[in-house]
C-alpha atoms as a PDB file:
ATOM      1  CA  MET A   1      82.595 139.330  82.813  1.00  0.00           C
ATOM      2  CA  LYS A   2      85.754 139.983  84.065  1.00  0.00           C
ATOM      3  CA  ARG A   3      88.959 138.300  83.426  1.00  0.00           C
ATOM      4  CA  LYS A   4      92.216 138.367  85.185  1.00  0.00           C
ATOM      5  CA  ASN A   5      95.184 136.355  84.820  1.00  0.00           C
ATOM      6  CA  ILE A   6      96.274 134.380  87.971  1.00  0.00           C
ATOM      7  CA  GLY A   7      97.721 135.869  90.747  1.00  0.00           C
ATOM      8  CA  ARG A   8      94.683 138.381  91.753  1.00  0.00           C
ATOM      9  CA  LEU A   9      93.619 136.495  94.918  1.00  0.00           C
ATOM     10  CA  SER A  10      91.472 139.433  95.856  1.00  0.00           C
ATOM     11  CA  ASP A  11      89.452 139.421  93.209  1.00  0.00           C
ATOM     12  CA  VAL A  12      88.456 136.020  93.044  1.00  0.00           C
ATOM     13  CA  VAL A  13      87.787 135.945  97.008  1.00  0.00           C
ATOM     14  CA  ALA A  14      85.469 139.281  96.040  1.00  0.00           C
ATOM     15  CA  CYS A  15      83.980 137.756  93.593  1.00  0.00           C
ATOM     16  CA  LEU A  16      82.862 134.708  95.350  1.00  0.00           C
ATOM     17  CA  HIS A  17      81.978 136.578  98.320  1.00  0.00           C
ATOM     18  CA  SER A  18      79.199 138.425  96.558  1.00  0.00           C
ATOM     19  CA  GLY A  19      78.084 135.190  95.551  1.00  0.00           C
ATOM     20  CA  GLY A  20      79.126 135.295  92.141  1.00  0.00           C
ATOM     21  CA  ILE A  21      81.031 131.473  89.955  1.00  0.00           C
ATOM     22  CA  VAL A  22      84.393 131.485  89.127  1.00  0.00           C
ATOM     23  CA  LEU A  23      86.105 130.066  86.016  1.00  0.00           C
ATOM     24  CA  LEU A  24      89.729 128.956  87.147  1.00  0.00           C
ATOM     25  CA  PRO A  25      91.859 126.400  86.469  1.00  0.00           C
ATOM     26  CA  THR A  26      92.788 123.657  88.819  1.00  0.00           C
ATOM     27  CA  ASP A  27      95.543 121.077  89.201  1.00  0.00           C
ATOM     28  CA  THR A  28      93.537 118.817  87.218  1.00  0.00           C
ATOM     29  CA  VAL A  29      91.210 120.489  84.530  1.00  0.00           C
ATOM     30  CA  PHE A  30      89.495 123.709  84.619  1.00  0.00           C
ATOM     31  CA  GLY A  31      86.760 124.459  87.480  1.00  0.00           C
ATOM     32  CA  LEU A  32      83.898 126.637  88.016  1.00  0.00           C
ATOM     33  CA  ALA A  33      83.537 127.168  91.764  1.00  0.00           C
ATOM     34  CA  VAL A  34      81.028 129.130  93.814  1.00  0.00           C
ATOM     35  CA  LEU A  35      80.520 129.493  97.782  1.00  0.00           C
ATOM     36  CA  PRO A  36      78.447 126.852  98.822  1.00  0.00           C
ATOM     37  CA  THR A  37      75.999 129.339 101.398  1.00  0.00           C
ATOM     38  CA  GLU A  38      75.262 131.183  98.438  1.00  0.00           C
ATOM     39  CA  THR A  39      71.989 129.484  97.281  1.00  0.00           C
ATOM     40  CA  LEU A  40      71.714 131.707  94.099  1.00  0.00           C
ATOM     41  CA  GLY A  41      75.170 131.484  93.389  1.00  0.00           C
ATOM     42  CA  VAL A  42      74.519 127.457  93.271  1.00  0.00           C
ATOM     43  CA  ASP A  43      71.359 127.526  91.271  1.00  0.00           C
ATOM     44  CA  ARG A  44      73.170 129.432  88.768  1.00  0.00           C
ATOM     45  CA  LEU A  45      76.007 127.195  88.535  1.00  0.00           C
ATOM     46  CA  TYR A  46      73.828 123.808  88.259  1.00  0.00           C
ATOM     47  CA  ALA A  47      71.681 125.852  85.119  1.00  0.00           C
ATOM     48  CA  LEU A  48      75.202 126.728  83.964  1.00  0.00           C
ATOM     49  CA  LYS A  49      76.050 123.506  83.731  1.00  0.00           C
ATOM     50  CA  ALA A  50      72.793 122.141  82.539  1.00  0.00           C
ATOM     51  CA  ARG A  51      73.583 119.358  85.640  1.00  0.00           C
ATOM     52  CA  PRO A  52      70.796 117.597  87.441  1.00  0.00           C
ATOM     53  CA  ARG A  53      69.852 119.041  90.688  1.00  0.00           C
ATOM     54  CA  ALA A  54      69.592 115.614  92.067  1.00  0.00           C
ATOM     55  CA  LYS A  55      73.540 115.213  91.152  1.00  0.00           C
ATOM     56  CA  ALA A  56      75.661 116.807  94.264  1.00  0.00           C
ATOM     57  CA  LEU A  57      78.520 119.040  93.513  1.00  0.00           C
ATOM     58  CA  PRO A  58      82.086 117.949  94.732  1.00  0.00           C
ATOM     59  CA  ILE A  59      83.552 119.939  97.561  1.00  0.00           C
ATOM     60  CA  MET A  60      87.304 121.016  97.350  1.00  0.00           C
ATOM     61  CA  VAL A  61      88.563 122.448 100.752  1.00  0.00           C
ATOM     62  CA  ALA A  62      92.471 123.487 102.067  1.00  0.00           C
ATOM     63  CA  ASN A  63      93.474 120.964 104.303  1.00  0.00           C
ATOM     64  CA  ALA A  64      91.922 118.375 106.845  1.00  0.00           C
ATOM     65  CA  ASN A  65      90.483 120.857 109.437  1.00  0.00           C
ATOM     66  CA  GLN A  66      88.298 122.210 107.097  1.00  0.00           C
ATOM     67  CA  VAL A  67      87.310 118.149 105.949  1.00  0.00           C
ATOM     68  CA  SER A  68      86.277 118.244 110.015  1.00  0.00           C
ATOM     69  CA  GLU A  69      84.348 121.158 109.166  1.00  0.00           C
ATOM     70  CA  LEU A  70      82.047 119.351 106.562  1.00  0.00           C
ATOM     71  CA  GLY A  71      81.269 116.314 109.432  1.00  0.00           C
ATOM     72  CA  VAL A  72      83.133 113.704 107.226  1.00  0.00           C
ATOM     73  CA  ILE A  73      83.157 110.959 109.558  1.00  0.00           C
ATOM     74  CA  ILE A  74      87.280 109.980 109.400  1.00  0.00           C
ATOM     75  CA  SER A  75      87.233 106.192 109.322  1.00  0.00           C
ATOM     76  CA  PRO A  76      90.745 104.226 109.357  1.00  0.00           C
ATOM     77  CA  ALA A  77      90.108 104.344 105.455  1.00  0.00           C
ATOM     78  CA  ILE A  78      89.749 107.905 104.920  1.00  0.00           C
ATOM     79  CA  GLU A  79      92.309 108.498 107.338  1.00  0.00           C
ATOM     80  CA  LYS A  80      94.688 106.513 105.347  1.00  0.00           C
ATOM     81  CA  VAL A  81      93.917 108.031 102.196  1.00  0.00           C
ATOM     82  CA  LEU A  82      94.353 111.581 103.633  1.00  0.00           C
ATOM     83  CA  ARG A  83      98.075 110.921 104.579  1.00  0.00           C
ATOM     84  CA  SER A  84      98.928 109.100 100.969  1.00  0.00           C
ATOM     85  CA  PRO A  85     101.166 110.660  98.425  1.00  0.00           C
ATOM     86  CA  PHE A  86      97.730 111.555  96.339  1.00  0.00           C
ATOM     87  CA  VAL A  87      96.613 114.045  99.492  1.00  0.00           C
ATOM     88  CA  PRO A  88      96.617 117.138  98.036  1.00  0.00           C
ATOM     89  CA  GLY A  89      96.173 116.124  94.826  1.00  0.00           C
ATOM     90  CA  ALA A  90      93.795 114.359  91.920  1.00  0.00           C
ATOM     91  CA  LEU A  91      92.048 112.246  93.896  1.00  0.00           C
ATOM     92  CA  THR A  92      88.421 113.033  95.403  1.00  0.00           C
ATOM     93  CA  ILE A  93      87.614 111.300  98.237  1.00  0.00           C
ATOM     94  CA  VAL A  94      83.134 110.311  98.904  1.00  0.00           C
ATOM     95  CA  ALA A  95      82.788 110.087 102.537  1.00  0.00           C
ATOM     96  CA  PRO A  96      80.038 109.694 105.019  1.00  0.00           C
ATOM     97  CA  ILE A  97      78.781 112.703 107.146  1.00  0.00           C
ATOM     98  CA  ASP A  98      77.422 113.270 110.445  1.00  0.00           C
ATOM     99  CA  ARG A  99      74.136 115.094 110.025  1.00  0.00           C
ATOM    100  CA  SER A 100      74.326 116.161 113.306  1.00  0.00           C
ATOM    101  CA  ASN A 101      77.820 118.053 113.141  1.00  0.00           C
ATOM    102  CA  CYS A 102      77.849 119.213 109.483  1.00  0.00           C
ATOM    103  CA  PRO A 103      77.270 122.883 107.847  1.00  0.00           C
ATOM    104  CA  ASP A 104      73.414 123.361 107.218  1.00  0.00           C
ATOM    105  CA  TRP A 105      73.972 123.576 103.592  1.00  0.00           C
ATOM    106  CA  LEU A 106      74.760 120.135 103.869  1.00  0.00           C
ATOM    107  CA  LYS A 107      71.579 119.016 105.730  1.00  0.00           C
ATOM    108  CA  GLY A 108      69.965 116.446 104.176  1.00  0.00           C
ATOM    109  CA  ARG A 109      72.667 114.342 102.614  1.00  0.00           C
ATOM    110  CA  ASP A 110      74.247 111.266 103.860  1.00  0.00           C
ATOM    111  CA  GLU A 111      77.892 111.434 102.129  1.00  0.00           C
ATOM    112  CA  VAL A 112      80.126 114.109 100.280  1.00  0.00           C
ATOM    113  CA  ALA A 113      82.807 114.291  97.703  1.00  0.00           C
ATOM    114  CA  PHE A 114      85.881 116.459  98.343  1.00  0.00           C
ATOM    115  CA  ARG A 115      89.214 116.782  97.861  1.00  0.00           C
ATOM    116  CA  ILE A 116      92.698 119.103  98.883  1.00  0.00           C
ATOM    117  CA  PRO A 117      93.875 120.590  95.348  1.00  0.00           C
ATOM    118  CA  ASN A 118      97.794 120.578  94.707  1.00  0.00           C
ATOM    119  CA  SER A 119      97.625 124.164  93.942  1.00  0.00           C
ATOM    120  CA  GLN A 120      99.106 126.982  95.920  1.00  0.00           C
ATOM    121  CA  PHE A 121      96.403 129.233  94.224  1.00  0.00           C
ATOM    122  CA  LEU A 122      93.529 126.932  95.073  1.00  0.00           C
ATOM    123  CA  LEU A 123      94.706 126.708  98.336  1.00  0.00           C
ATOM    124  CA  ALA A 124      94.902 130.295  99.174  1.00  0.00           C
ATOM    125  CA  VAL A 125      91.693 131.150  97.683  1.00  0.00           C
ATOM    126  CA  LEU A 126      90.075 127.951  99.981  1.00  0.00           C
ATOM    127  CA  THR A 127      91.953 129.154 102.928  1.00  0.00           C
ATOM    128  CA  GLU A 128      90.989 132.898 102.712  1.00  0.00           C
ATOM    129  CA  VAL A 129      87.190 131.935 101.905  1.00  0.00           C
ATOM    130  CA  GLY A 130      86.361 127.987 103.170  1.00  0.00           C
ATOM    131  CA  PRO A 131      85.197 125.189 101.713  1.00  0.00           C
ATOM    132  CA  LEU A 132      83.872 126.116  97.728  1.00  0.00           C
ATOM    133  CA  LEU A 133      81.694 123.672  95.336  1.00  0.00           C
ATOM    134  CA  VAL A 134      83.860 123.281  92.610  1.00  0.00           C
ATOM    135  CA  THR A 135      83.291 121.049  89.055  1.00  0.00           C
ATOM    136  CA  SER A 136      84.680 120.754  85.667  1.00  0.00           C
ATOM    137  CA  ALA A 137      83.959 123.563  83.829  1.00  0.00           C
ATOM    138  CA  ASN A 138      81.810 121.882  80.763  1.00  0.00           C
ATOM    139  CA  LEU A 139      78.165 120.870  80.586  1.00  0.00           C
ATOM    140  CA  ALA A 140      76.827 117.992  82.057  1.00  0.00           C
ATOM    141  CA  GLY A 141      77.933 114.768  79.962  1.00  0.00           C
ATOM    142  CA  ALA A 142      80.381 116.862  77.673  1.00  0.00           C
ATOM    143  CA  THR A 143      84.219 116.641  77.947  1.00  0.00           C
ATOM    144  CA  THR A 144      85.913 119.126  79.109  1.00  0.00           C
ATOM    145  CA  PRO A 145      87.798 121.813  77.543  1.00  0.00           C
ATOM    146  CA  LYS A 146      91.426 122.762  77.694  1.00  0.00           C
ATOM    147  CA  THR A 147      91.136 126.252  76.962  1.00  0.00           C
ATOM    148  CA  VAL A 148      89.478 129.102  78.790  1.00  0.00           C
ATOM    149  CA  GLN A 149      88.721 130.070  75.721  1.00  0.00           C
ATOM    150  CA  ALA A 150      86.875 126.855  74.315  1.00  0.00           C
ATOM    151  CA  VAL A 151      85.160 126.445  77.975  1.00  0.00           C
ATOM    152  CA  LEU A 152      83.466 129.760  77.296  1.00  0.00           C
ATOM    153  CA  GLU A 153      82.187 128.568  73.671  1.00  0.00           C
ATOM    154  CA  GLN A 154      80.644 125.511  75.580  1.00  0.00           C
ATOM    155  CA  LEU A 155      79.214 127.231  78.760  1.00  0.00           C
ATOM    156  CA  THR A 156      75.615 128.488  78.183  1.00  0.00           C
ATOM    157  CA  GLU A 157      76.201 131.097  80.393  1.00  0.00           C
ATOM    158  CA  VAL A 158      79.637 132.812  81.499  1.00  0.00           C
ATOM    159  CA  PRO A 159      81.203 133.156  84.614  1.00  0.00           C
ATOM    160  CA  ASP A 160      81.390 136.329  86.846  1.00  0.00           C
ATOM    161  CA  LEU A 161      85.148 135.805  86.729  1.00  0.00           C
ATOM    162  CA  VAL A 162      87.408 134.169  84.720  1.00  0.00           C
ATOM    163  CA  VAL A 163      90.980 133.365  86.029  1.00  0.00           C
ATOM    164  CA  ASP A 164      93.064 132.072  82.798  1.00  0.00           C
ATOM    165  CA  GLY A 165      96.379 129.845  83.657  1.00  0.00           C
ATOM    166  CA  GLU A 166      97.540 126.322  83.052  1.00  0.00           C
ATOM    167  CA  THR A 167      95.776 123.373  84.342  1.00  0.00           C
ATOM    168  CA  GLY A 168      97.656 120.664  85.813  1.00  0.00           C
ATOM    169  CA  ASN A 169      97.160 117.449  83.335  1.00  0.00           C
ATOM    170  CA  ASP A 170      93.637 118.445  81.637  1.00  0.00           C
ATOM    171  CA  VAL A 171      93.017 114.872  82.971  1.00  0.00           C
ATOM    172  CA  ALA A 172      89.464 114.709  86.158  1.00  0.00           C
ATOM    173  CA  SER A 173      90.598 113.498  89.340  1.00  0.00           C
ATOM    174  CA  THR A 174      90.233 109.581  90.680  1.00  0.00           C
ATOM    175  CA  LEU A 175      86.942 109.154  92.520  1.00  0.00           C
ATOM    176  CA  VAL A 176      86.983 107.045  95.559  1.00  0.00           C
ATOM    177  CA  ASN A 177      84.163 105.838  97.774  1.00  0.00           C
ATOM    178  CA  CYS A 178      84.977 105.311 100.956  1.00  0.00           C
ATOM    179  CA  SER A 179      81.648 104.852 102.202  1.00  0.00           C
ATOM    180  CA  HIS A 180      81.825 101.168 100.858  1.00  0.00           C
ATOM    181  CA  THR A 181      83.693  98.247 102.333  1.00  0.00           C
ATOM    182  CA  PRO A 182      86.156  98.003 100.589  1.00  0.00           C
ATOM    183  CA  ALA A 183      86.206 101.122  98.783  1.00  0.00           C
ATOM    184  CA  MET A 184      84.914 101.449  95.397  1.00  0.00           C
ATOM    185  CA  ILE A 185      86.360 103.512  92.919  1.00  0.00           C
ATOM    186  CA  GLU A 186      83.594 105.263  90.969  1.00  0.00           C
ATOM    187  CA  ARG A 187      86.144 107.033  88.285  1.00  0.00           C
ATOM    188  CA  ILE A 188      89.385 106.604  87.419  1.00  0.00           C
ATOM    189  CA  GLY A 189      91.257 109.513  86.595  1.00  0.00           C
ATOM    190  CA  ALA A 190      94.885 111.126  87.086  1.00  0.00           C
ATOM    191  CA  VAL A 191      95.689 108.429  90.087  1.00  0.00           C
ATOM    192  CA  ALA A 192      96.128 104.985  88.897  1.00  0.00           C
ATOM    193  CA  VAL A 193      94.245 102.147  90.116  1.00  0.00           C
ATOM    194  CA  GLU A 194      97.465 100.339  90.527  1.00  0.00           C
ATOM    195  CA  ASP A 195      98.711 103.244  92.758  1.00  0.00           C
ATOM    196  CA  LEU A 196      96.099 104.025  94.867  1.00  0.00           C
ATOM    197  CA  SER A 197      96.045  99.928  95.433  1.00  0.00           C
ATOM    198  CA  LYS A 198      99.346 100.403  97.088  1.00  0.00           C
ATOM    199  CA  TRP A 199      97.501 102.393 100.258  1.00  0.00           C
ATOM    200  CA  LEU A 200      94.011 101.306  99.920  1.00  0.00           C
ATOM    201  CA  VAL A 201      92.219  98.335  99.785  1.00  0.00           C
ATOM    202  CA  VAL A 202      89.767  98.895  96.579  1.00  0.00           C
ATOM    203  CA  LYS A 203      87.366  97.497  94.379  1.00  0.00           C
ATOM    204  CA  HIS A 204      86.614  98.259  90.625  1.00  0.00           C
ATOM    205  CA  GLY A 205      83.718  97.852  88.674  1.00  0.00           C
END
């Protein structure tokens, strides 16, 4: 395991391109990141979290161009959310995708969960390597630890690279499913329901 302080973008990029798993701070909680095209790395990430394979991993992207590269079908609701003050930020959007216009690693999927983080470091990484699978740094069903040391004590395997640093707010992102009409809030997190409701007609529960 290599452990680095935040700021060494080249280390993170090199690790990801080699198929490695990176533990890093995000604008919400600590996350585990891997390139979606690195199938062995993706398999290891599922095993590391003890996460069921039927549960797809969320995606982080740098900008709207990368959203389009995923084959996301931009509905009026999604376009409105992307223009909201919560993007970039702690809002994960579930959206339908066009199977004929999505990357190979998304073939067979009907929808994706993605977000644009409000973190200059993460945005730099994403700009360099493209979309990443990024999931909270905890075992499936467990709470996400608030320190790197606590994360490492909980996980079953040590990630290939550990980037230490401050997280944004220690609260997971809010998850809104825009595949439904009206949009459905599937997880309440850092973005309050009442704030999101000012921008989008949403249903909860």
